[in-house]
Amino acid sequence: MAKRIVYFNNKGGVGKTTLVYHTAWMLAELGYKVLVADFDPQTNLTAIFCHKPASKKFF
């Protein structure tokens, strides 16, 4: 069974997007398969993954 990590907080500006990005990046560096779902209407996390060269590890 797959393990899940979920970050949730109603308040904005607490670093959720940054934390998710860096956690996913580090897990991928360690050889884990990583799936990140961006449900935020601002889609900042999607933008980070689409514009970084390291994002190739996640696809």
N, C-alpha and C. Protein backbone atom coordinates (compact mmCIF):
# COMPACT_ATOMS: atom_id res chain seq x y z
N MET A 1 0.84 -1.19 0.00
CA MET A 1 0.00 0.00 0.00
C MET A 1 0.89 1.25 0.00
N ALA A 2 0.48 2.24 -0.75
CA ALA A 2 1.24 3.49 -0.84
C ALA A 2 1.10 4.28 0.45
N LYS A 3 2.17 4.96 0.81
CA LYS A 3 2.13 5.84 1.98
C LYS A 3 1.78 7.24 1.51
N ARG A 4 1.11 7.99 2.36
CA ARG A 4 0.68 9.34 2.00
C ARG A 4 1.16 10.33 3.04
N ILE A 5 1.54 11.49 2.55
CA ILE A 5 1.85 12.63 3.41
C ILE A 5 0.93 13.75 2.97
N VAL A 6 0.19 14.32 3.90
CA VAL A 6 -0.76 15.38 3.56
C VAL A 6 -0.43 16.61 4.40
N TYR A 7 -0.34 17.76 3.74
CA TYR A 7 -0.13 19.03 4.43
C TYR A 7 -1.40 19.84 4.27
N PHE A 8 -1.95 20.32 5.39
CA PHE A 8 -3.18 21.11 5.33
C PHE A 8 -3.14 22.19 6.39
N ASN A 9 -3.53 23.37 6.01
CA ASN A 9 -3.69 24.48 6.94
C ASN A 9 -4.57 25.50 6.24
N ASN A 10 -5.58 26.01 6.92
CA ASN A 10 -6.49 26.99 6.31
C ASN A 10 -5.82 28.34 6.09
N LYS A 11 -4.85 28.65 6.91
CA LYS A 11 -4.20 29.95 6.82
C LYS A 11 -3.21 29.97 5.65
N GLY A 12 -3.20 31.06 4.94
CA GLY A 12 -2.25 31.21 3.84
C GLY A 12 -0.92 31.73 4.34
N GLY A 13 0.12 31.51 3.55
CA GLY A 13 1.42 32.07 3.86
C GLY A 13 2.20 31.36 4.95
N VAL A 14 1.88 30.10 5.21
CA VAL A 14 2.58 29.36 6.26
C VAL A 14 3.65 28.43 5.70
N GLY A 15 3.82 28.38 4.39
CA GLY A 15 4.89 27.59 3.78
C GLY A 15 4.49 26.21 3.31
N LYS A 16 3.20 25.97 3.12
CA LYS A 16 2.74 24.64 2.68
C LYS A 16 3.31 24.28 1.31
N THR A 17 3.24 25.18 0.36
CA THR A 17 3.72 24.90 -0.99
C THR A 17 5.21 24.61 -0.99
N THR A 18 5.97 25.42 -0.29
CA THR A 18 7.41 25.22 -0.22
C THR A 18 7.74 23.90 0.46
N LEU A 19 7.05 23.58 1.53
CA LEU A 19 7.29 22.34 2.24
C LEU A 19 6.97 21.12 1.38
N VAL A 20 5.86 21.17 0.64
CA VAL A 20 5.50 20.06 -0.24
C VAL A 20 6.54 19.90 -1.34
N TYR A 21 6.95 20.99 -1.95
CA TYR A 21 7.93 20.92 -3.03
C TYR A 21 9.24 20.28 -2.55
N HIS A 22 9.75 20.77 -1.45
CA HIS A 22 11.04 20.27 -0.96
C HIS A 22 10.95 18.83 -0.43
N THR A 23 9.84 18.48 0.17
CA THR A 23 9.65 17.10 0.62
C THR A 23 9.60 16.16 -0.57
N ALA A 24 8.84 16.52 -1.60
CA ALA A 24 8.73 15.69 -2.79
C ALA A 24 10.07 15.57 -3.50
N TRP A 25 10.79 16.67 -3.60
CA TRP A 25 12.10 16.66 -4.25
C TRP A 25 13.06 15.73 -3.51
N MET A 26 13.10 15.82 -2.19
CA MET A 26 14.03 15.01 -1.42
C MET A 26 13.65 13.53 -1.50
N LEU A 27 12.37 13.21 -1.43
CA LEU A 27 11.96 11.81 -1.54
C LEU A 27 12.32 11.25 -2.92
N ALA A 28 12.17 12.05 -3.96
CA ALA A 28 12.55 11.61 -5.30
C ALA A 28 14.06 11.41 -5.39
N GLU A 29 14.83 12.29 -4.77
CA GLU A 29 16.29 12.13 -4.74
C GLU A 29 16.69 10.84 -4.04
N LEU A 30 15.91 10.43 -3.05
CA LEU A 30 16.19 9.20 -2.31
C LEU A 30 15.70 7.96 -3.04
N GLY A 31 15.07 8.14 -4.20
CA GLY A 31 14.65 7.01 -5.02
C GLY A 31 13.20 6.60 -4.89
N TYR A 32 12.41 7.34 -4.14
CA TYR A 32 11.00 7.03 -4.00
C TYR A 32 10.23 7.55 -5.21
N LYS A 33 9.14 6.87 -5.56
CA LYS A 33 8.22 7.38 -6.57
C LYS A 33 7.32 8.39 -5.87
N VAL A 34 7.18 9.56 -6.47
CA VAL A 34 6.46 10.66 -5.82
C VAL A 34 5.34 11.15 -6.72
N LEU A 35 4.17 11.34 -6.15
CA LEU A 35 3.05 11.96 -6.84
C LEU A 35 2.62 13.16 -6.01
N VAL A 36 2.56 14.32 -6.63
CA VAL A 36 2.14 15.54 -5.94
C VAL A 36 0.87 16.03 -6.61
N ALA A 37 -0.17 16.30 -5.81
CA ALA A 37 -1.43 16.83 -6.33
C ALA A 37 -1.61 18.25 -5.82
N ASP A 38 -1.79 19.19 -6.72
CA ASP A 38 -1.95 20.60 -6.38
C ASP A 38 -3.42 20.97 -6.50
N PHE A 39 -4.09 21.10 -5.38
CA PHE A 39 -5.51 21.46 -5.37
C PHE A 39 -5.75 22.94 -5.07
N ASP A 40 -4.68 23.70 -4.95
CA ASP A 40 -4.78 25.13 -4.68
C ASP A 40 -5.16 25.85 -5.97
N PRO A 41 -6.19 26.70 -5.95
CA PRO A 41 -6.59 27.42 -7.17
C PRO A 41 -5.49 28.31 -7.75
N GLN A 42 -4.52 28.72 -6.93
CA GLN A 42 -3.43 29.56 -7.43
C GLN A 42 -2.40 28.74 -8.22
N THR A 43 -2.40 27.46 -8.08
CA THR A 43 -1.51 26.50 -8.77
C THR A 43 -0.03 26.87 -8.70
N ASN A 44 0.39 27.43 -7.58
CA ASN A 44 1.80 27.78 -7.42
C ASN A 44 2.70 26.54 -7.44
N LEU A 45 2.25 25.46 -6.84
CA LEU A 45 3.05 24.24 -6.81
C LEU A 45 3.23 23.68 -8.22
N THR A 46 2.19 23.68 -9.00
CA THR A 46 2.27 23.21 -10.38
C THR A 46 3.26 24.08 -11.16
N ALA A 47 3.21 25.38 -10.95
CA ALA A 47 4.12 26.28 -11.64
C ALA A 47 5.57 26.00 -11.26
N ILE A 48 5.83 25.72 -10.00
CA ILE A 48 7.20 25.42 -9.57
C ILE A 48 7.71 24.17 -10.28
N PHE A 49 6.92 23.12 -10.32
CA PHE A 49 7.35 21.87 -10.94
C PHE A 49 7.51 22.03 -12.45
N CYS A 50 6.69 22.83 -13.08
CA CYS A 50 6.76 22.98 -14.54
C CYS A 50 7.92 23.85 -14.99
N HIS A 51 8.46 24.67 -14.12
CA HIS A 51 9.50 25.61 -14.52
C HIS A 51 10.88 25.26 -13.98
N LYS A 52 11.00 24.21 -13.22
CA LYS A 52 12.30 23.82 -12.67
C LYS A 52 12.87 22.65 -13.47
N PRO A 53 14.14 22.69 -13.83
CA PRO A 53 14.76 21.56 -14.54
C PRO A 53 14.70 20.25 -13.75
N ALA A 54 14.73 20.34 -12.41
CA ALA A 54 14.69 19.12 -11.59
C ALA A 54 13.35 18.41 -11.67
N SER A 55 12.33 19.08 -12.22
CA SER A 55 11.00 18.48 -12.27
C SER A 55 10.94 17.23 -13.12
N LYS A 56 11.93 17.00 -13.97
CA LYS A 56 11.95 15.80 -14.81
C LYS A 56 11.99 14.53 -13.97
N LYS A 57 12.49 14.62 -12.74
CA LYS A 57 12.54 13.46 -11.87
C LYS A 57 11.13 13.00 -11.47
N PHE A 58 10.17 13.90 -11.51
CA PHE A 58 8.84 13.60 -11.01
C PHE A 58 7.91 13.08 -12.09
N PHE A 59 8.32 13.13 -13.37
CA PHE A 59 7.41 12.74 -14.43
C PHE A 59 7.87 11.49 -15.10
